[in-house]
Protein backbone atom coordinates (compact mmCIF):
# COMPACT_ATOMS: atom_id res chain seq x y z
CA MET A 1 -13.81 -54.39 13.83
CA THR A 2 -16.86 -53.99 16.03
CA ALA A 3 -19.32 -51.51 14.55
CA HIS A 4 -20.30 -50.09 17.93
CA ARG A 5 -16.81 -49.48 19.31
CA PRO A 6 -16.18 -45.74 19.88
CA ARG A 7 -13.73 -44.71 17.19
CA PHE A 8 -12.63 -41.95 14.86
CA HIS A 9 -11.09 -41.76 11.42
CA ALA A 10 -7.80 -40.00 10.74
CA ALA A 11 -6.44 -39.28 7.28
CA TYR A 12 -3.03 -38.16 6.06
CA GLY A 13 -2.61 -37.85 2.32
CA ALA A 14 -3.84 -41.11 0.80
CA ASP A 15 -3.52 -43.00 4.10
CA GLU A 16 -6.35 -43.48 6.57
CA ALA A 17 -6.72 -45.21 9.92
CA VAL A 18 -9.61 -45.96 12.25
CA ILE A 19 -8.59 -45.44 15.88
CA SER A 20 -10.28 -46.57 19.08
CA ILE A 21 -11.26 -43.66 21.33
CA ASP A 22 -10.86 -45.78 24.47
CA SER A 23 -7.54 -47.52 23.84
CA LEU A 24 -6.13 -45.23 21.12
CA ALA A 25 -5.18 -48.38 19.21
CA VAL A 26 -5.34 -48.48 15.42
CA LEU A 27 -8.30 -50.71 14.59
CA HIS A 28 -7.97 -50.62 10.82
CA GLY A 29 -5.76 -49.00 8.21
CA ARG A 30 -2.48 -47.21 8.71
CA LEU A 31 -0.81 -43.82 8.84
CA PRO A 32 2.86 -42.90 8.42
CA ALA A 33 4.65 -43.24 11.79
CA ARG A 34 5.04 -39.50 12.40
CA ALA A 35 1.42 -38.73 11.47
CA GLN A 36 0.17 -41.60 13.66
CA GLY A 37 2.21 -40.32 16.59
CA LEU A 38 0.73 -36.84 16.24
CA VAL A 39 -2.81 -38.23 15.92
CA ILE A 40 -2.38 -40.37 19.05
CA GLU A 41 -0.94 -37.41 20.98
CA TRP A 42 -3.89 -35.24 19.89
CA ALA A 43 -6.41 -37.97 20.74
CA SER A 44 -4.92 -38.58 24.18
CA ARG A 45 -5.33 -34.87 24.99
CA ARG A 46 -8.85 -34.77 23.57
CA GLN A 47 -10.17 -38.17 24.66
CA SER A 48 -13.10 -36.80 26.68
CA GLU A 49 -14.11 -34.53 23.78
CA LEU A 50 -13.90 -37.48 21.40
CA ARG A 51 -16.17 -39.52 23.69
CA GLU A 52 -18.70 -36.67 23.78
CA ALA A 53 -18.57 -36.32 19.98
CA TRP A 54 -19.10 -40.08 19.63
CA ALA A 55 -22.13 -39.93 21.93
CA ARG A 56 -23.63 -37.07 19.89
CA ALA A 57 -23.02 -38.92 16.62
CA LYS A 58 -24.72 -42.03 18.03
CA ARG A 59 -27.76 -39.83 18.71
CA LEU A 60 -27.56 -38.72 15.04
CA GLU A 61 -26.53 -35.22 16.12
CA PRO A 62 -23.60 -33.32 14.58
CA PRO A 63 -20.47 -34.43 16.44
CA GLY A 64 -19.07 -30.90 16.63
CA LYS A 65 -15.53 -29.68 16.08
CA ILE A 66 -12.53 -30.58 18.21
CA ASP A 67 -9.55 -28.24 18.34
CA PRO A 68 -6.31 -29.33 16.68
CA LEU A 69 -3.10 -30.21 18.51
CA ASP A 70 -1.57 -27.16 20.22
């Protein structure tokens, strides 16, 4: 996994995955199928917000909050 690739972490119970913001591919870890599907759906709707949060985090600023799936 490339350290500089825009990504986010998603957790469900004891499972965790690291997901690419650009491709929405799982880079590391795993989630149950249903949870992963919901995370990918959420991320696809919020991709621009995720990119902005990533840019803020890279500047060592708080990334902010992103609304949940509707």
